[in-house]
Amino acid sequence: MARIIEQVGAYDATYRRERFPALVRAIIFQQLAGNAARAILKRFIELYPGRRFPAPEQVVATSLQRLRKVGLSRPKALYIKGLAADVVAKKVNFHRFPKMEDDAVIAELTQVKGIGQWTAEMFLMFNLGRPDVMPAGDLGVQTAVMKAYGLAKRPTPKELREFAERWKPHRTAAAWYLWRSLETVLPIDAVKAPTPRASKKKR
């Protein structure tokens, strides 16, 4: 990890107080390469001229067909509309989250169709600013650990959780450095300029 920190540079993860936009962005990024997800997100926002990001009520009123035209798959379009409806109906109450434990936030978010463990973990890390989250099911983190520590294969989520005990109580920072070691594009990167990669020292 010390080598990765030296290579990547100072920790500068961005925390945003967004709630609904953050979850929509995470849903769009699920199982997509960064550039493809950015393009779809841009077209999605352009459906709502004059807005930095649409309100849940606007998304509820948008037809499934219009959402599909920006490049969203049918399931993702349904997930986003369902999330918007839950926010409008106050089934998802963001105001309670700051006082809740990490596991409780994950449990509440994952009740929403289309929001899984990974999406909830991204929300904890980059929107609630929780410092000790390890997204053990993330392939990027698994791959980075495999490469950095010379493992024969990617660790399983269980193995990674056990391996990550050494980084407590700073597992969020550890995951960020592991992602950056692979130059992984994260949902939070869609709302800021890419982080410049520190140049590698010559051997």
N, C-alpha and C. Protein backbone atom coordinates (compact mmCIF):
# COMPACT_ATOMS: atom_id res chain seq x y z
N MET A 1 0.82 -1.20 0.00
CA MET A 1 0.00 0.00 0.00
C MET A 1 0.86 1.26 0.00
N ALA A 2 2.00 1.21 0.71
CA ALA A 2 2.88 2.38 0.72
C ALA A 2 3.36 2.72 -0.69
N ARG A 3 3.66 1.68 -1.48
CA ARG A 3 4.10 1.92 -2.85
C ARG A 3 2.99 2.56 -3.69
N ILE A 4 1.77 2.09 -3.51
CA ILE A 4 0.63 2.66 -4.25
C ILE A 4 0.41 4.11 -3.86
N ILE A 5 0.49 4.41 -2.57
CA ILE A 5 0.30 5.78 -2.11
C ILE A 5 1.35 6.70 -2.71
N GLU A 6 2.58 6.24 -2.75
CA GLU A 6 3.65 7.04 -3.35
C GLU A 6 3.40 7.25 -4.84
N GLN A 7 2.91 6.23 -5.51
CA GLN A 7 2.66 6.30 -6.95
C GLN A 7 1.49 7.21 -7.28
N VAL A 8 0.41 7.09 -6.52
CA VAL A 8 -0.82 7.83 -6.83
C VAL A 8 -0.75 9.28 -6.34
N GLY A 9 -0.15 9.48 -5.19
CA GLY A 9 -0.08 10.83 -4.64
C GLY A 9 -1.07 11.04 -3.52
N ALA A 10 -1.29 12.31 -3.19
CA ALA A 10 -2.12 12.67 -2.05
C ALA A 10 -3.57 12.18 -2.21
N TYR A 11 -4.14 11.78 -1.12
CA TYR A 11 -5.53 11.32 -1.09
C TYR A 11 -6.44 12.53 -1.28
N ASP A 12 -7.27 12.49 -2.31
CA ASP A 12 -8.14 13.65 -2.55
C ASP A 12 -9.53 13.20 -2.99
N ALA A 13 -10.04 12.16 -2.35
CA ALA A 13 -11.39 11.71 -2.67
C ALA A 13 -12.39 12.83 -2.43
N THR A 14 -13.32 12.99 -3.34
CA THR A 14 -14.33 14.03 -3.24
C THR A 14 -15.57 13.48 -2.57
N TYR A 15 -16.07 14.24 -1.59
CA TYR A 15 -17.33 13.87 -0.94
C TYR A 15 -18.37 14.92 -1.33
N ARG A 16 -19.49 14.46 -1.80
CA ARG A 16 -20.57 15.35 -2.22
C ARG A 16 -21.81 15.07 -1.39
N ARG A 17 -22.52 16.14 -1.07
CA ARG A 17 -23.70 16.00 -0.22
C ARG A 17 -24.94 15.63 -1.04
N GLU A 18 -24.73 15.18 -2.25
CA GLU A 18 -25.85 14.73 -3.09
C GLU A 18 -26.49 13.48 -2.50
N ARG A 19 -27.74 13.31 -2.80
CA ARG A 19 -28.45 12.10 -2.39
C ARG A 19 -29.05 11.41 -3.62
N PHE A 20 -30.18 11.90 -4.11
CA PHE A 20 -30.81 11.29 -5.29
C PHE A 20 -29.87 11.26 -6.50
N PRO A 21 -29.20 12.37 -6.86
CA PRO A 21 -28.30 12.32 -8.02
C PRO A 21 -27.21 11.26 -7.87
N ALA A 22 -26.69 11.10 -6.68
CA ALA A 22 -25.62 10.14 -6.47
C ALA A 22 -26.07 8.72 -6.75
N LEU A 23 -27.28 8.39 -6.32
CA LEU A 23 -27.78 7.03 -6.53
C LEU A 23 -28.12 6.78 -7.99
N VAL A 24 -28.68 7.79 -8.66
CA VAL A 24 -28.96 7.64 -10.10
C VAL A 24 -27.65 7.43 -10.84
N ARG A 25 -26.64 8.22 -10.51
CA ARG A 25 -25.35 8.11 -11.18
C ARG A 25 -24.75 6.72 -10.95
N ALA A 26 -24.86 6.22 -9.73
CA ALA A 26 -24.31 4.89 -9.44
C ALA A 26 -25.03 3.80 -10.21
N ILE A 27 -26.35 3.92 -10.34
CA ILE A 27 -27.11 2.93 -11.12
C ILE A 27 -26.65 2.96 -12.58
N ILE A 28 -26.46 4.15 -13.13
CA ILE A 28 -26.02 4.25 -14.52
C ILE A 28 -24.64 3.62 -14.71
N PHE A 29 -23.77 3.76 -13.72
CA PHE A 29 -22.41 3.25 -13.83
C PHE A 29 -22.31 1.74 -13.62
N GLN A 30 -23.35 1.11 -13.11
CA GLN A 30 -23.28 -0.32 -12.84
C GLN A 30 -22.95 -1.11 -14.11
N GLN A 31 -21.88 -1.91 -14.05
CA GLN A 31 -21.49 -2.83 -15.12
C GLN A 31 -21.20 -2.14 -16.45
N LEU A 32 -20.78 -0.88 -16.40
CA LEU A 32 -20.42 -0.16 -17.62
C LEU A 32 -19.02 0.42 -17.48
N ALA A 33 -18.31 0.51 -18.60
CA ALA A 33 -17.02 1.21 -18.62
C ALA A 33 -17.27 2.69 -18.35
N GLY A 34 -16.28 3.33 -17.75
CA GLY A 34 -16.45 4.72 -17.34
C GLY A 34 -16.91 5.67 -18.42
N ASN A 35 -16.28 5.61 -19.60
CA ASN A 35 -16.62 6.55 -20.66
C ASN A 35 -18.04 6.34 -21.19
N ALA A 36 -18.46 5.09 -21.30
CA ALA A 36 -19.83 4.80 -21.75
C ALA A 36 -20.83 5.31 -20.74
N ALA A 37 -20.55 5.11 -19.46
CA ALA A 37 -21.46 5.58 -18.41
C ALA A 37 -21.54 7.10 -18.40
N ARG A 38 -20.40 7.78 -18.56
CA ARG A 38 -20.39 9.24 -18.61
C ARG A 38 -21.29 9.75 -19.74
N ALA A 39 -21.19 9.12 -20.91
CA ALA A 39 -21.98 9.56 -22.07
C ALA A 39 -23.47 9.41 -21.82
N ILE A 40 -23.87 8.29 -21.23
CA ILE A 40 -25.29 8.07 -20.93
C ILE A 40 -25.76 9.06 -19.88
N LEU A 41 -24.95 9.29 -18.85
CA LEU A 41 -25.32 10.25 -17.82
C LEU A 41 -25.52 11.64 -18.41
N LYS A 42 -24.63 12.04 -19.31
CA LYS A 42 -24.74 13.37 -19.94
C LYS A 42 -26.05 13.49 -20.72
N ARG A 43 -26.39 12.45 -21.49
CA ARG A 43 -27.63 12.49 -22.26
C ARG A 43 -28.86 12.47 -21.34
N PHE A 44 -28.75 11.75 -20.25
CA PHE A 44 -29.86 11.71 -19.29
C PHE A 44 -30.13 13.10 -18.72
N ILE A 45 -29.08 13.80 -18.30
CA ILE A 45 -29.25 15.14 -17.73
C ILE A 45 -29.79 16.11 -18.77
N GLU A 46 -29.37 15.92 -20.03
CA GLU A 46 -29.82 16.82 -21.11
C GLU A 46 -31.31 16.68 -21.42
N LEU A 47 -31.95 15.64 -20.89
CA LEU A 47 -33.40 15.52 -21.04
C LEU A 47 -34.13 16.63 -20.27
N TYR A 48 -33.42 17.28 -19.36
CA TYR A 48 -34.05 18.25 -18.47
C TYR A 48 -33.32 19.59 -18.58
N PRO A 49 -33.58 20.36 -19.65
CA PRO A 49 -32.88 21.63 -19.88
C PRO A 49 -33.03 22.58 -18.70
N GLY A 50 -31.93 23.27 -18.42
CA GLY A 50 -31.97 24.24 -17.34
C GLY A 50 -31.76 23.66 -15.96
N ARG A 51 -31.53 22.35 -15.88
CA ARG A 51 -31.31 21.71 -14.59
C ARG A 51 -29.92 21.10 -14.53
N ARG A 52 -29.27 21.25 -13.39
CA ARG A 52 -27.99 20.55 -13.22
C ARG A 52 -28.24 19.05 -13.07
N PHE A 53 -29.39 18.74 -12.46
CA PHE A 53 -29.80 17.34 -12.34
C PHE A 53 -31.30 17.35 -12.09
N PRO A 54 -32.03 16.42 -12.70
CA PRO A 54 -33.49 16.43 -12.54
C PRO A 54 -33.92 16.09 -11.11
N ALA A 55 -35.05 16.65 -10.72
CA ALA A 55 -35.65 16.30 -9.43
C ALA A 55 -36.35 14.95 -9.56
N PRO A 56 -36.52 14.24 -8.46
CA PRO A 56 -37.22 12.96 -8.52
C PRO A 56 -38.59 13.06 -9.19
N GLU A 57 -39.32 14.14 -8.91
CA GLU A 57 -40.64 14.32 -9.50
C GLU A 57 -40.58 14.38 -11.01
N GLN A 58 -39.53 14.99 -11.55
CA GLN A 58 -39.38 15.06 -13.01
C GLN A 58 -39.10 13.69 -13.61
N VAL A 59 -38.30 12.91 -12.92
CA VAL A 59 -37.98 11.57 -13.43
C VAL A 59 -39.22 10.69 -13.40
N VAL A 60 -40.02 10.79 -12.34
CA VAL A 60 -41.26 10.03 -12.27
C VAL A 60 -42.16 10.35 -13.47
N ALA A 61 -42.16 11.62 -13.88
CA ALA A 61 -43.03 12.05 -14.98
C ALA A 61 -42.46 11.75 -16.36
N THR A 62 -41.22 11.26 -16.43
CA THR A 62 -40.58 10.96 -17.71
C THR A 62 -40.93 9.54 -18.15
N SER A 63 -41.30 9.39 -19.39
CA SER A 63 -41.69 8.07 -19.88
C SER A 63 -40.49 7.14 -19.95
N LEU A 64 -40.76 5.87 -19.84
CA LEU A 64 -39.72 4.86 -19.96
C LEU A 64 -39.04 4.95 -21.32
N GLN A 65 -39.82 5.24 -22.37
CA GLN A 65 -39.28 5.32 -23.72
C GLN A 65 -38.24 6.44 -23.84
N ARG A 66 -38.52 7.59 -23.22
CA ARG A 66 -37.55 8.70 -23.27
C ARG A 66 -36.27 8.34 -22.55
N LEU A 67 -36.39 7.67 -21.45
CA LEU A 67 -35.19 7.26 -20.71
C LEU A 67 -34.38 6.24 -21.50
N ARG A 68 -35.06 5.34 -22.18
CA ARG A 68 -34.36 4.34 -22.98
C ARG A 68 -33.58 4.99 -24.12
N LYS A 69 -34.09 6.11 -24.65
CA LYS A 69 -33.45 6.76 -25.80
C LYS A 69 -32.08 7.35 -25.46
N VAL A 70 -31.80 7.59 -24.18
CA VAL A 70 -30.48 8.14 -23.83
C VAL A 70 -29.45 7.04 -23.69
N GLY A 71 -29.87 5.78 -23.84
CA GLY A 71 -28.93 4.66 -23.77
C GLY A 71 -29.08 3.79 -22.55
N LEU A 72 -30.07 4.10 -21.72
CA LEU A 72 -30.30 3.26 -20.54
C LEU A 72 -30.95 1.94 -20.95
N SER A 73 -30.50 0.87 -20.34
CA SER A 73 -31.18 -0.40 -20.54
C SER A 73 -32.56 -0.32 -19.90
N ARG A 74 -33.46 -1.20 -20.32
CA ARG A 74 -34.80 -1.19 -19.72
C ARG A 74 -34.75 -1.38 -18.20
N PRO A 75 -33.95 -2.36 -17.69
CA PRO A 75 -33.90 -2.50 -16.23
C PRO A 75 -33.40 -1.24 -15.52
N LYS A 76 -32.34 -0.61 -16.06
CA LYS A 76 -31.81 0.59 -15.40
C LYS A 76 -32.82 1.73 -15.44
N ALA A 77 -33.52 1.88 -16.55
CA ALA A 77 -34.54 2.93 -16.64
C ALA A 77 -35.63 2.69 -15.60
N LEU A 78 -36.03 1.43 -15.43
CA LEU A 78 -37.04 1.10 -14.43
C LEU A 78 -36.51 1.32 -13.02
N TYR A 79 -35.25 0.99 -12.79
CA TYR A 79 -34.66 1.19 -11.47
C TYR A 79 -34.66 2.68 -11.10
N ILE A 80 -34.27 3.52 -12.06
CA ILE A 80 -34.18 4.95 -11.80
C ILE A 80 -35.57 5.54 -11.55
N LYS A 81 -36.54 5.13 -12.34
CA LYS A 81 -37.90 5.61 -12.11
C LYS A 81 -38.44 5.10 -10.77
N GLY A 82 -38.13 3.86 -10.42
CA GLY A 82 -38.57 3.31 -9.14
C GLY A 82 -37.95 4.04 -7.96
N LEU A 83 -36.65 4.34 -8.07
CA LEU A 83 -35.98 5.10 -7.02
C LEU A 83 -36.62 6.47 -6.86
N ALA A 84 -36.85 7.14 -7.99
CA ALA A 84 -37.47 8.47 -7.94
C ALA A 84 -38.83 8.41 -7.25
N ALA A 85 -39.62 7.39 -7.58
CA ALA A 85 -40.94 7.25 -6.98
C ALA A 85 -40.83 7.00 -5.47
N ASP A 86 -39.84 6.21 -5.05
CA ASP A 86 -39.66 5.95 -3.63
C ASP A 86 -39.25 7.20 -2.87
N VAL A 87 -38.43 8.04 -3.52
CA VAL A 87 -38.02 9.30 -2.87
C VAL A 87 -39.21 10.23 -2.74
N VAL A 88 -40.00 10.35 -3.81
CA VAL A 88 -41.18 11.21 -3.77
C VAL A 88 -42.15 10.74 -2.69
N ALA A 89 -42.31 9.43 -2.58
CA ALA A 89 -43.24 8.87 -1.59
C ALA A 89 -42.62 8.80 -0.19
N LYS A 90 -41.36 9.24 -0.05
CA LYS A 90 -40.63 9.23 1.21
C LYS A 90 -40.41 7.82 1.78
N LYS A 91 -40.43 6.84 0.88
CA LYS A 91 -40.03 5.50 1.31
C LYS A 91 -38.52 5.45 1.52
N VAL A 92 -37.81 6.30 0.78
CA VAL A 92 -36.38 6.50 1.00
C VAL A 92 -36.24 7.89 1.61
N ASN A 93 -35.80 7.95 2.85
CA ASN A 93 -35.71 9.22 3.58
C ASN A 93 -34.24 9.54 3.86
N PHE A 94 -33.67 10.37 3.01
CA PHE A 94 -32.24 10.69 3.13
C PHE A 94 -31.90 11.42 4.42
N HIS A 95 -32.85 12.13 5.01
CA HIS A 95 -32.56 12.93 6.19
C HIS A 95 -32.15 12.07 7.39
N ARG A 96 -32.54 10.81 7.39
CA ARG A 96 -32.22 9.93 8.51
C ARG A 96 -30.82 9.33 8.42
N PHE A 97 -30.26 9.31 7.22
CA PHE A 97 -29.03 8.57 7.00
C PHE A 97 -27.83 9.02 7.84
N PRO A 98 -27.61 10.33 8.02
CA PRO A 98 -26.41 10.74 8.78
C PRO A 98 -26.34 10.16 10.18
N LYS A 99 -27.48 9.82 10.78
CA LYS A 99 -27.49 9.29 12.14
C LYS A 99 -27.49 7.76 12.18
N MET A 100 -27.49 7.13 11.02
CA MET A 100 -27.58 5.68 10.96
C MET A 100 -26.20 5.04 10.79
N GLU A 101 -26.04 3.83 11.32
CA GLU A 101 -24.81 3.07 11.12
C GLU A 101 -24.70 2.62 9.67
N ASP A 102 -23.46 2.31 9.24
CA ASP A 102 -23.23 1.91 7.85
C ASP A 102 -24.13 0.75 7.43
N ASP A 103 -24.16 -0.28 8.24
CA ASP A 103 -24.95 -1.46 7.87
C ASP A 103 -26.44 -1.14 7.75
N ALA A 104 -26.93 -0.24 8.59
CA ALA A 104 -28.34 0.13 8.53
C ALA A 104 -28.66 0.91 7.25
N VAL A 105 -27.75 1.78 6.84
CA VAL A 105 -27.94 2.51 5.58
C VAL A 105 -27.96 1.54 4.41
N ILE A 106 -27.02 0.60 4.40
CA ILE A 106 -26.96 -0.39 3.32
C ILE A 106 -28.25 -1.20 3.28
N ALA A 107 -28.73 -1.61 4.45
CA ALA A 107 -29.95 -2.42 4.50
C ALA A 107 -31.14 -1.64 3.93
N GLU A 108 -31.23 -0.35 4.25
CA GLU A 108 -32.36 0.44 3.76
C GLU A 108 -32.26 0.68 2.26
N LEU A 109 -31.07 1.02 1.78
CA LEU A 109 -30.91 1.31 0.36
C LEU A 109 -31.13 0.08 -0.50
N THR A 110 -30.65 -1.06 -0.04
CA THR A 110 -30.75 -2.26 -0.88
C THR A 110 -32.16 -2.83 -0.94
N GLN A 111 -33.09 -2.22 -0.21
CA GLN A 111 -34.49 -2.60 -0.37
C GLN A 111 -35.08 -2.00 -1.64
N VAL A 112 -34.40 -0.98 -2.20
CA VAL A 112 -34.84 -0.36 -3.45
C VAL A 112 -34.35 -1.22 -4.61
N LYS A 113 -35.24 -1.58 -5.50
CA LYS A 113 -34.86 -2.43 -6.63
C LYS A 113 -33.82 -1.72 -7.49
N GLY A 114 -32.74 -2.41 -7.80
CA GLY A 114 -31.68 -1.83 -8.61
C GLY A 114 -30.53 -1.28 -7.81
N ILE A 115 -30.70 -1.16 -6.50
CA ILE A 115 -29.61 -0.70 -5.65
C ILE A 115 -29.10 -1.90 -4.85
N GLY A 116 -27.90 -2.31 -5.18
CA GLY A 116 -27.29 -3.44 -4.52
C GLY A 116 -26.24 -3.00 -3.52
N GLN A 117 -25.50 -3.96 -3.03
CA GLN A 117 -24.47 -3.70 -2.03
C GLN A 117 -23.44 -2.69 -2.53
N TRP A 118 -22.98 -2.87 -3.78
CA TRP A 118 -21.95 -1.97 -4.32
C TRP A 118 -22.44 -0.53 -4.39
N THR A 119 -23.64 -0.32 -4.90
CA THR A 119 -24.18 1.03 -5.02
C THR A 119 -24.33 1.68 -3.65
N ALA A 120 -24.81 0.91 -2.69
CA ALA A 120 -24.96 1.43 -1.33
C ALA A 120 -23.59 1.79 -0.73
N GLU A 121 -22.59 0.97 -1.02
CA GLU A 121 -21.24 1.25 -0.51
C GLU A 121 -20.67 2.51 -1.13
N MET A 122 -20.88 2.72 -2.44
CA MET A 122 -20.42 3.95 -3.08
C MET A 122 -21.07 5.17 -2.43
N PHE A 123 -22.34 5.05 -2.12
CA PHE A 123 -23.06 6.14 -1.48
C PHE A 123 -22.48 6.44 -0.09
N LEU A 124 -22.20 5.40 0.66
CA LEU A 124 -21.59 5.60 1.97
C LEU A 124 -20.24 6.29 1.86
N MET A 125 -19.43 5.85 0.91
CA MET A 125 -18.07 6.35 0.78
C MET A 125 -18.01 7.79 0.30
N PHE A 126 -18.74 8.08 -0.77
CA PHE A 126 -18.55 9.35 -1.46
C PHE A 126 -19.64 10.39 -1.23
N ASN A 127 -20.72 9.98 -0.55
CA ASN A 127 -21.80 10.94 -0.30
C ASN A 127 -22.09 11.12 1.18
N LEU A 128 -21.88 10.10 1.97
CA LEU A 128 -21.98 10.27 3.41
C LEU A 128 -20.61 10.43 4.06
N GLY A 129 -19.56 10.22 3.27
CA GLY A 129 -18.20 10.43 3.78
C GLY A 129 -17.79 9.45 4.87
N ARG A 130 -18.30 8.22 4.81
CA ARG A 130 -17.94 7.24 5.83
C ARG A 130 -16.52 6.75 5.58
N PRO A 131 -15.67 6.73 6.62
CA PRO A 131 -14.24 6.49 6.41
C PRO A 131 -13.79 5.04 6.38
N ASP A 132 -14.68 4.12 6.74
CA ASP A 132 -14.20 2.74 6.92
C ASP A 132 -15.06 1.73 6.17
N VAL A 133 -15.22 1.95 4.87
CA VAL A 133 -16.02 1.07 4.02
C VAL A 133 -15.10 0.32 3.06
N MET A 134 -15.24 -0.98 3.00
CA MET A 134 -14.47 -1.78 2.05
C MET A 134 -15.44 -2.50 1.12
N PRO A 135 -15.51 -2.06 -0.14
CA PRO A 135 -16.40 -2.71 -1.12
C PRO A 135 -15.79 -4.02 -1.61
N ALA A 136 -15.94 -5.05 -0.81
CA ALA A 136 -15.21 -6.31 -1.05
C ALA A 136 -15.65 -7.03 -2.31
N GLY A 137 -16.83 -6.72 -2.83
CA GLY A 137 -17.30 -7.36 -4.06
C GLY A 137 -16.89 -6.64 -5.31
N ASP A 138 -16.16 -5.53 -5.19
CA ASP A 138 -15.77 -4.73 -6.35
C ASP A 138 -14.60 -5.39 -7.08
N LEU A 139 -14.79 -5.66 -8.38
CA LEU A 139 -13.75 -6.34 -9.15
C LEU A 139 -12.48 -5.51 -9.27
N GLY A 140 -12.63 -4.18 -9.32
CA GLY A 140 -11.46 -3.31 -9.41
C GLY A 140 -10.59 -3.41 -8.17
N VAL A 141 -11.21 -3.37 -7.02
CA VAL A 141 -10.46 -3.49 -5.77
C VAL A 141 -9.82 -4.88 -5.68
N GLN A 142 -10.58 -5.89 -6.04
CA GLN A 142 -10.02 -7.25 -6.01
C GLN A 142 -8.81 -7.38 -6.94
N THR A 143 -8.94 -6.84 -8.15
CA THR A 143 -7.85 -6.92 -9.12
C THR A 143 -6.64 -6.14 -8.65
N ALA A 144 -6.87 -4.96 -8.07
CA ALA A 144 -5.76 -4.14 -7.58
C ALA A 144 -5.01 -4.85 -6.45
N VAL A 145 -5.74 -5.49 -5.56
CA VAL A 145 -5.09 -6.24 -4.47
C VAL A 145 -4.29 -7.41 -5.04
N MET A 146 -4.87 -8.11 -5.99
CA MET A 146 -4.16 -9.23 -6.62
C MET A 146 -2.84 -8.77 -7.22
N LYS A 147 -2.87 -7.66 -7.96
CA LYS A 147 -1.66 -7.18 -8.63
C LYS A 147 -0.65 -6.62 -7.63
N ALA A 148 -1.14 -5.83 -6.68
CA ALA A 148 -0.23 -5.16 -5.75
C ALA A 148 0.45 -6.15 -4.80
N TYR A 149 -0.24 -7.22 -4.45
CA TYR A 149 0.29 -8.14 -3.46
C TYR A 149 0.72 -9.48 -4.06
N GLY A 150 0.76 -9.53 -5.40
CA GLY A 150 1.30 -10.71 -6.07
C GLY A 150 0.50 -11.99 -5.84
N LEU A 151 -0.81 -11.87 -5.76
CA LEU A 151 -1.65 -13.05 -5.56
C LEU A 151 -1.87 -13.78 -6.89
N ALA A 152 -2.11 -15.07 -6.82
CA ALA A 152 -2.30 -15.87 -8.02
C ALA A 152 -3.64 -15.58 -8.69
N LYS A 153 -4.61 -15.15 -7.95
CA LYS A 153 -5.93 -14.83 -8.49
C LYS A 153 -6.59 -13.77 -7.62
N ARG A 154 -7.68 -13.21 -8.13
CA ARG A 154 -8.40 -12.20 -7.36
C ARG A 154 -8.94 -12.82 -6.07
N PRO A 155 -8.85 -12.10 -4.96
CA PRO A 155 -9.43 -12.61 -3.72
C PRO A 155 -10.96 -12.61 -3.80
N THR A 156 -11.59 -13.54 -3.15
CA THR A 156 -13.05 -13.55 -3.05
C THR A 156 -13.46 -12.40 -2.12
N PRO A 157 -14.74 -12.01 -2.14
CA PRO A 157 -15.17 -10.97 -1.20
C PRO A 157 -14.84 -11.30 0.25
N LYS A 158 -15.03 -12.56 0.65
CA LYS A 158 -14.71 -12.96 2.02
C LYS A 158 -13.22 -12.81 2.30
N GLU A 159 -12.40 -13.25 1.36
CA GLU A 159 -10.95 -13.13 1.53
C GLU A 159 -10.52 -11.68 1.58
N LEU A 160 -11.15 -10.84 0.75
CA LEU A 160 -10.78 -9.43 0.71
C LEU A 160 -11.18 -8.73 2.02
N ARG A 161 -12.35 -9.07 2.54
CA ARG A 161 -12.76 -8.48 3.82
C ARG A 161 -11.76 -8.82 4.92
N GLU A 162 -11.30 -10.06 4.94
CA GLU A 162 -10.31 -10.47 5.93
C GLU A 162 -8.98 -9.76 5.69
N PHE A 163 -8.57 -9.67 4.42
CA PHE A 163 -7.31 -9.01 4.06
C PHE A 163 -7.34 -7.53 4.45
N ALA A 164 -8.51 -6.90 4.29
CA ALA A 164 -8.65 -5.47 4.52
C ALA A 164 -8.70 -5.08 5.98
N GLU A 165 -8.74 -6.06 6.88
CA GLU A 165 -8.72 -5.75 8.31
C GLU A 165 -7.50 -4.91 8.67
N ARG A 166 -6.41 -5.10 7.94
CA ARG A 166 -5.17 -4.36 8.23
C ARG A 166 -5.32 -2.86 7.99
N TRP A 167 -6.33 -2.46 7.21
CA TRP A 167 -6.49 -1.04 6.87
C TRP A 167 -7.52 -0.32 7.74
N LYS A 168 -8.16 -1.03 8.65
CA LYS A 168 -9.12 -0.39 9.54
C LYS A 168 -8.40 0.66 10.40
N PRO A 169 -9.03 1.79 10.70
CA PRO A 169 -10.38 2.24 10.33
C PRO A 169 -10.38 3.16 9.11
N HIS A 170 -9.51 2.88 8.14
CA HIS A 170 -9.37 3.75 6.96
C HIS A 170 -9.58 2.96 5.67
N ARG A 171 -10.52 2.03 5.67
CA ARG A 171 -10.69 1.17 4.50
C ARG A 171 -11.25 1.91 3.29
N THR A 172 -11.96 3.00 3.50
CA THR A 172 -12.41 3.82 2.37
C THR A 172 -11.21 4.37 1.61
N ALA A 173 -10.25 4.92 2.32
CA ALA A 173 -9.04 5.46 1.69
C ALA A 173 -8.26 4.35 1.01
N ALA A 174 -8.18 3.19 1.63
CA ALA A 174 -7.46 2.07 1.02
C ALA A 174 -8.10 1.67 -0.30
N ALA A 175 -9.43 1.57 -0.33
CA ALA A 175 -10.13 1.22 -1.56
C ALA A 175 -9.89 2.28 -2.64
N TRP A 176 -9.92 3.54 -2.25
CA TRP A 176 -9.69 4.62 -3.21
C TRP A 176 -8.30 4.50 -3.84
N TYR A 177 -7.30 4.26 -3.01
CA TYR A 177 -5.94 4.10 -3.54
C TYR A 177 -5.84 2.88 -4.45
N LEU A 178 -6.50 1.81 -4.11
CA LEU A 178 -6.48 0.62 -4.95
C LEU A 178 -7.13 0.90 -6.30
N TRP A 179 -8.26 1.60 -6.30
CA TRP A 179 -8.89 1.98 -7.57
C TRP A 179 -7.97 2.85 -8.40
N ARG A 180 -7.36 3.84 -7.75
CA ARG A 180 -6.50 4.76 -8.49
C ARG A 180 -5.27 4.06 -9.05
N SER A 181 -4.83 3.01 -8.40
CA SER A 181 -3.66 2.27 -8.91
C SER A 181 -3.97 1.63 -10.25
N LEU A 182 -5.25 1.41 -10.54
CA LEU A 182 -5.68 0.86 -11.83
C LEU A 182 -6.29 1.93 -12.73
N GLU A 183 -6.31 3.17 -12.24
CA GLU A 183 -6.96 4.29 -12.95
C GLU A 183 -8.43 3.98 -13.24
N THR A 184 -9.11 3.40 -12.27
CA THR A 184 -10.52 3.08 -12.39
C THR A 184 -11.36 4.34 -12.37
N VAL A 185 -12.35 4.43 -13.27
CA VAL A 185 -13.29 5.56 -13.28
C VAL A 185 -14.45 5.22 -12.35
N LEU A 186 -14.70 6.08 -11.37
CA LEU A 186 -15.75 5.87 -10.39
C LEU A 186 -16.93 6.79 -10.67
N PRO A 187 -18.13 6.47 -10.13
CA PRO A 187 -19.27 7.36 -10.34
C PRO A 187 -19.00 8.80 -9.93
N ILE A 188 -18.26 9.00 -8.85
CA ILE A 188 -17.97 10.35 -8.38
C ILE A 188 -17.13 11.12 -9.39
N ASP A 189 -16.37 10.42 -10.25
CA ASP A 189 -15.55 11.08 -11.25
C ASP A 189 -16.38 11.76 -12.32
N ALA A 190 -17.64 11.40 -12.44
CA ALA A 190 -18.50 12.00 -13.46
C ALA A 190 -18.87 13.44 -13.13
N VAL A 191 -18.58 13.88 -11.91
CA VAL A 191 -18.96 15.24 -11.52
C VAL A 191 -17.75 16.09 -11.18
N LYS A 192 -16.58 15.63 -11.58
CA LYS A 192 -15.37 16.43 -11.36
C LYS A 192 -14.35 16.05 -12.42
N ALA A 193 -13.33 16.89 -12.54
CA ALA A 193 -12.26 16.58 -13.49
C ALA A 193 -11.51 15.35 -13.02
N PRO A 194 -11.02 14.51 -13.95
CA PRO A 194 -10.28 13.32 -13.56
C PRO A 194 -9.08 13.66 -12.70
N THR A 195 -8.77 12.81 -11.74
CA THR A 195 -7.61 13.01 -10.88
C THR A 195 -6.34 12.71 -11.66
N PRO A 196 -5.40 13.68 -11.73
CA PRO A 196 -4.16 13.40 -12.46
C PRO A 196 -3.37 12.31 -11.78
N ARG A 197 -2.84 11.42 -12.57
CA ARG A 197 -2.04 10.30 -12.05
C ARG A 197 -0.61 10.75 -11.85
N ALA A 198 -0.07 10.49 -10.68
CA ALA A 198 1.31 10.83 -10.44
C ALA A 198 2.21 10.01 -11.34
N SER A 199 3.23 10.63 -11.88
CA SER A 199 4.11 9.89 -12.79
C SER A 199 4.95 8.90 -12.00
N LYS A 200 5.17 7.75 -12.63
CA LYS A 200 5.97 6.72 -11.97
C LYS A 200 7.45 7.12 -11.98
N LYS A 201 8.10 6.82 -10.87
CA LYS A 201 9.53 7.09 -10.82
C LYS A 201 10.29 6.08 -11.66
N LYS A 202 11.35 6.56 -12.26
CA LYS A 202 12.18 5.65 -13.04
C LYS A 202 12.93 4.74 -12.09
N ARG A 203 12.99 3.49 -12.49
CA ARG A 203 13.72 2.52 -11.67
C ARG A 203 15.21 2.67 -11.91
